[in-house]
Protein backbone atom coordinates (compact mmCIF):
# COMPACT_ATOMS: atom_id res chain seq x y z
CA MET A 1 79.82 42.50 55.15
CA SER A 2 77.04 42.03 57.68
CA PRO A 3 76.50 38.73 59.47
CA THR A 4 73.49 36.69 58.49
CA SER A 5 70.43 36.82 60.72
CA GLU A 6 70.00 33.03 60.65
CA PRO A 7 70.84 31.20 63.92
CA ARG A 8 74.21 29.47 63.81
CA LEU A 9 76.57 27.63 66.13
CA TYR A 10 80.09 29.03 65.90
CA ARG A 11 82.91 26.60 66.68
CA VAL A 12 85.67 28.63 68.34
CA ILE A 13 89.30 27.95 69.31
CA VAL A 14 90.87 30.19 71.95
CA ALA A 15 94.68 30.58 71.88
CA ASP A 16 96.65 32.49 74.52
CA ASP A 17 99.69 31.49 76.56
CA THR A 18 98.16 32.98 79.72
CA TYR A 19 95.78 30.63 81.52
CA LEU A 20 93.76 33.44 83.07
CA ILE A 21 93.20 35.10 79.68
CA ARG A 22 92.02 31.81 78.17
CA GLU A 23 89.69 31.24 81.09
CA GLY A 24 88.46 34.83 80.94
CA ILE A 25 87.51 34.48 77.30
CA GLY A 26 85.87 31.14 78.01
CA GLN A 27 83.81 32.67 80.81
CA ALA A 28 82.83 35.62 78.60
CA LEU A 29 81.45 33.14 76.06
CA GLU A 30 79.90 30.80 78.61
CA GLY A 31 76.18 30.63 78.25
CA GLU A 32 76.19 31.85 74.65
CA ASP A 33 74.01 29.45 72.69
CA GLU A 34 75.72 30.53 69.49
CA VAL A 35 79.22 29.49 70.59
CA GLU A 36 80.96 26.20 71.27
CA VAL A 37 84.59 26.53 72.41
CA VAL A 38 86.14 23.40 70.89
CA ALA A 39 89.75 23.86 72.06
CA TYR A 40 92.05 25.98 74.22
CA CYS A 41 95.67 26.39 73.08
CA SER A 42 98.77 27.97 74.61
CA ASP A 43 101.19 28.13 71.66
CA LEU A 44 101.36 28.31 67.89
CA SER A 45 101.91 24.61 67.16
CA SER A 46 99.01 23.46 69.34
CA LEU A 47 96.78 26.10 67.73
CA LEU A 48 97.52 24.97 64.18
CA LEU A 49 97.07 21.32 65.17
CA ALA A 50 93.73 22.11 66.82
CA VAL A 51 92.54 23.87 63.67
CA GLU A 52 93.28 20.74 61.63
CA GLN A 53 91.59 18.46 64.13
CA ARG A 54 88.60 20.52 65.26
CA ARG A 55 87.76 22.57 62.13
CA PRO A 56 86.63 25.78 63.85
CA ASP A 57 84.69 28.67 62.34
CA VAL A 58 86.70 31.23 64.30
CA VAL A 59 90.08 31.41 66.03
CA ILE A 60 90.65 33.92 68.82
CA THR A 61 94.40 34.31 69.27
CA ASP A 62 96.90 36.45 71.10
CA ILE A 63 99.59 38.08 68.94
CA ARG A 64 102.45 36.87 71.15
CA MET A 65 102.69 33.22 72.18
CA PRO A 66 105.38 30.54 72.44
CA PRO A 67 107.70 29.53 70.97
CA THR A 68 109.12 33.03 70.33
CA ASN A 69 106.50 35.28 72.00
CA THR A 70 106.69 37.74 69.12
CA ASP A 71 104.17 37.44 66.29
CA GLU A 72 102.69 33.93 66.50
CA GLY A 73 99.10 35.16 66.21
CA ILE A 74 99.87 37.05 63.01
CA ARG A 75 101.73 34.05 61.61
CA ALA A 76 98.77 31.84 62.45
CA ALA A 77 96.41 34.22 60.63
CA ALA A 78 98.69 34.17 57.57
CA GLU A 79 98.86 30.37 57.53
CA LEU A 80 95.11 30.07 57.92
CA TYR A 81 94.65 32.47 55.02
CA GLU A 82 96.58 29.99 52.85
CA GLU A 83 95.36 26.68 54.27
CA HIS A 84 91.92 27.45 55.72
CA PRO A 85 90.63 30.74 54.29
CA GLU A 86 87.14 29.99 55.58
CA VAL A 87 88.29 30.31 59.21
CA GLY A 88 87.81 33.76 60.73
CA VAL A 89 90.54 35.14 63.00
CA VAL A 90 90.18 37.55 65.91
CA VAL A 91 93.65 38.78 66.94
CA ILE A 92 93.89 40.19 70.46
CA SER A 93 96.70 42.15 72.09
CA HIS A 94 97.55 44.31 75.09
CA TYR A 95 99.20 46.76 72.73
CA VAL A 96 98.42 48.83 69.66
CA SER A 97 100.88 47.65 67.01
CA PRO A 98 100.63 49.35 63.61
CA ARG A 99 103.09 46.94 61.98
CA TYR A 100 101.09 43.92 63.16
CA ALA A 101 97.84 45.50 61.98
CA LEU A 102 99.41 45.98 58.55
CA ARG A 103 100.55 42.37 58.40
CA LEU A 104 97.19 41.05 59.60
CA PHE A 105 95.34 42.87 56.82
CA GLU A 106 97.94 42.58 54.06
CA HIS A 107 95.83 39.96 52.24
CA GLY A 108 92.61 41.88 52.88
CA SER A 109 90.53 42.37 55.97
CA ALA A 110 87.75 39.87 55.19
CA GLY A 111 87.34 37.50 58.11
CA ARG A 112 89.86 39.35 60.31
CA ALA A 113 89.52 41.44 63.48
CA TYR A 114 92.05 43.26 65.67
CA LEU A 115 90.95 43.94 69.25
CA LEU A 116 92.61 45.08 72.46
CA LYS A 117 92.42 42.66 75.39
CA GLU A 118 90.93 45.34 77.61
CA HIS A 119 87.82 45.27 75.43
CA ILE A 120 87.26 41.52 74.98
CA GLY A 121 85.88 41.05 78.48
CA HIS A 122 82.68 42.61 77.18
CA ARG A 123 80.71 39.64 75.88
CA ILE A 124 78.69 41.71 73.42
CA ARG A 125 81.86 43.10 71.83
CA LEU A 126 83.45 39.68 71.60
CA MET A 127 80.35 38.09 70.11
CA GLU A 128 80.15 40.89 67.56
CA ALA A 129 83.70 40.10 66.46
CA ILE A 130 83.02 36.36 66.26
CA ARG A 131 79.93 36.85 64.12
CA GLU A 132 81.62 39.37 61.83
CA VAL A 133 84.75 37.34 61.03
CA ALA A 134 82.78 34.10 60.70
CA HIS A 135 80.81 35.71 57.90
CA GLY A 136 83.75 37.43 56.22
CA GLY A 137 83.40 40.77 57.98
CA SER A 138 86.03 42.82 59.74
CA ILE A 139 86.39 44.75 63.00
CA VAL A 140 89.22 47.07 63.99
CA ASP A 141 89.52 48.39 67.52
CA PRO A 142 89.02 52.20 67.41
CA THR A 143 92.20 52.66 69.47
CA VAL A 144 94.20 50.92 66.74
CA VAL A 145 92.74 53.25 64.13
CA ASP A 146 93.51 56.29 66.29
CA VAL A 147 97.17 55.31 66.63
CA LEU A 148 97.49 54.63 62.91
CA VAL A 149 95.95 57.99 62.04
CA GLU A 150 98.15 59.81 64.55
CA ALA A 151 101.32 58.14 63.28
CA ARG A 152 100.45 58.78 59.66
CA MET A 153 99.58 62.41 60.31
CA ARG A 154 103.04 62.92 61.79
CA ALA A 155 104.68 61.67 58.61
CA ARG A 156 106.15 64.42 56.47
CA ASN A 157 104.24 65.20 53.27
CA SER A 158 101.44 62.84 54.26
CA PRO A 159 98.68 62.62 51.62
CA LEU A 160 96.23 62.90 54.52
CA THR A 161 96.97 66.62 54.59
CA ARG A 162 94.96 66.85 51.36
CA LEU A 163 91.80 65.83 53.20
CA THR A 164 89.34 68.20 54.83
CA SER A 165 88.45 67.86 58.52
CA ARG A 166 85.16 66.25 57.55
CA GLU A 167 86.89 63.80 55.23
CA LEU A 168 89.28 62.82 58.03
CA GLU A 169 86.29 62.11 60.27
CA VAL A 170 84.72 59.95 57.57
CA LEU A 171 88.02 58.15 56.91
CA SER A 172 88.44 57.31 60.59
CA SER A 173 84.92 55.90 60.71
CA ILE A 174 85.17 53.73 57.61
CA ALA A 175 88.55 52.44 58.81
CA GLN A 176 86.72 51.08 61.86
CA GLY A 177 84.49 49.03 59.55
CA ARG A 178 81.35 51.14 59.69
CA SER A 179 78.91 51.06 56.79
CA ASN A 180 77.98 54.24 54.94
CA ALA A 181 74.69 54.33 56.83
CA ALA A 182 76.46 53.96 60.18
CA VAL A 183 78.93 56.73 59.34
CA ALA A 184 76.07 58.98 58.27
CA SER A 185 74.27 58.35 61.55
CA GLN A 186 77.42 58.97 63.61
CA LEU A 187 78.26 62.25 61.87
CA PHE A 188 74.64 63.41 61.45
CA LEU A 189 74.93 63.56 57.66
CA THR A 190 72.93 62.04 54.83
CA LYS A 191 74.10 58.80 53.26
CA ARG A 192 74.54 60.67 49.97
CA ALA A 193 76.86 63.18 51.67
CA ILE A 194 78.94 60.32 53.09
CA GLU A 195 79.21 58.69 49.65
CA LYS A 196 80.39 62.01 48.22
CA ASN A 197 83.04 62.35 50.94
CA ILE A 198 84.22 58.78 50.42
CA ASN A 199 84.59 59.30 46.67
CA SER A 200 86.60 62.44 47.37
CA ILE A 201 88.81 60.66 49.92
CA PHE A 202 89.73 57.78 47.63
CA GLY A 203 90.29 60.19 44.76
CA LYS A 204 92.68 62.36 46.80
CA LEU A 205 94.54 59.34 48.14
CA GLY A 206 94.81 57.61 44.78
CA LEU A 207 92.88 54.55 45.96
CA ASP A 208 90.24 52.59 44.12
CA ASP A 209 86.68 53.40 45.14
CA GLU A 210 85.61 50.04 46.64
CA THR A 211 82.06 49.49 47.80
CA LYS A 212 82.59 46.55 50.16
CA VAL A 213 83.34 47.60 53.72
CA SER A 214 85.99 44.89 54.23
CA ARG A 215 87.93 46.04 51.17
CA ARG A 216 87.69 49.67 52.26
CA VAL A 217 89.05 48.82 55.69
CA ALA A 218 91.97 46.91 54.17
CA ALA A 219 92.85 49.72 51.78
CA THR A 220 92.60 52.36 54.51
CA LEU A 221 94.73 50.42 56.97
CA LEU A 222 97.35 49.71 54.35
CA PHE A 223 97.55 53.40 53.55
CA LEU A 224 97.62 54.54 57.17
CA ALA A 225 100.23 51.98 58.13
CA GLU A 226 102.67 52.59 55.26
CA GLY A 227 105.94 54.30 55.98
CA GLN A 228 107.85 54.46 59.24
CA LEU A 229 105.22 53.04 61.59
CA ALA A 230 107.30 50.27 63.15
CA ASP A 231 108.26 52.58 66.01
CA ALA A 232 104.70 53.77 66.60
CA ASP A 233 103.64 50.77 68.75
CA LYS A 234 101.99 52.00 71.90
CA ASN A 235 100.57 50.64 75.10
CA PRO A 236 96.99 51.99 75.18
CA SER A 237 97.24 52.50 78.92
CA SER A 238 99.80 55.23 78.33
CA GLN A 239 97.51 57.26 76.11
């Protein structure tokens, strides 16, 4: 789903237990006429309270925060899905975590993004994520997709072995949230050729042929993350 072209002010809450990260995100957004940061939070309880009080359009949250420093950001996204489905969530992390990606998108990828912290310092990238999730879109960091594909390809008897090299390229691109036109441009193919590849991919994998990008991303991530991926978490700096 593409963001609307109409001007809009996005109310944003930033949640991270590290002061410097919170300030870094705030500085990256400073001067953006489209954004108003309405609250900064350092733990799960203060984040959920701020959502109730400030009614944001988007929450930017770390995966790990107090009180347990494990999966608070994912838990927050799940609770917001139930209580405030209109709020977009951008989850940020130092690490590529397939199991957290699966949990983040288990209810669908609409209004959800997964980014690495090393990439959020780029204001353009961060603004793209805010706009996308605010309008029901989805963004997945390419590094996350790469790790999911690598882990899945290592699995014995993976259905991905049924795909051609070209189909794997297309699958990787659509899993990153690209439209058919964007995939065609990236791979120097016609849009019709991309549509044919996508139909073949979903047929071989036994998945429904969805036309909405957010639904395709969710289905692809769920497929790539199934199986023994809990041990596939990686620090991107080691790759």
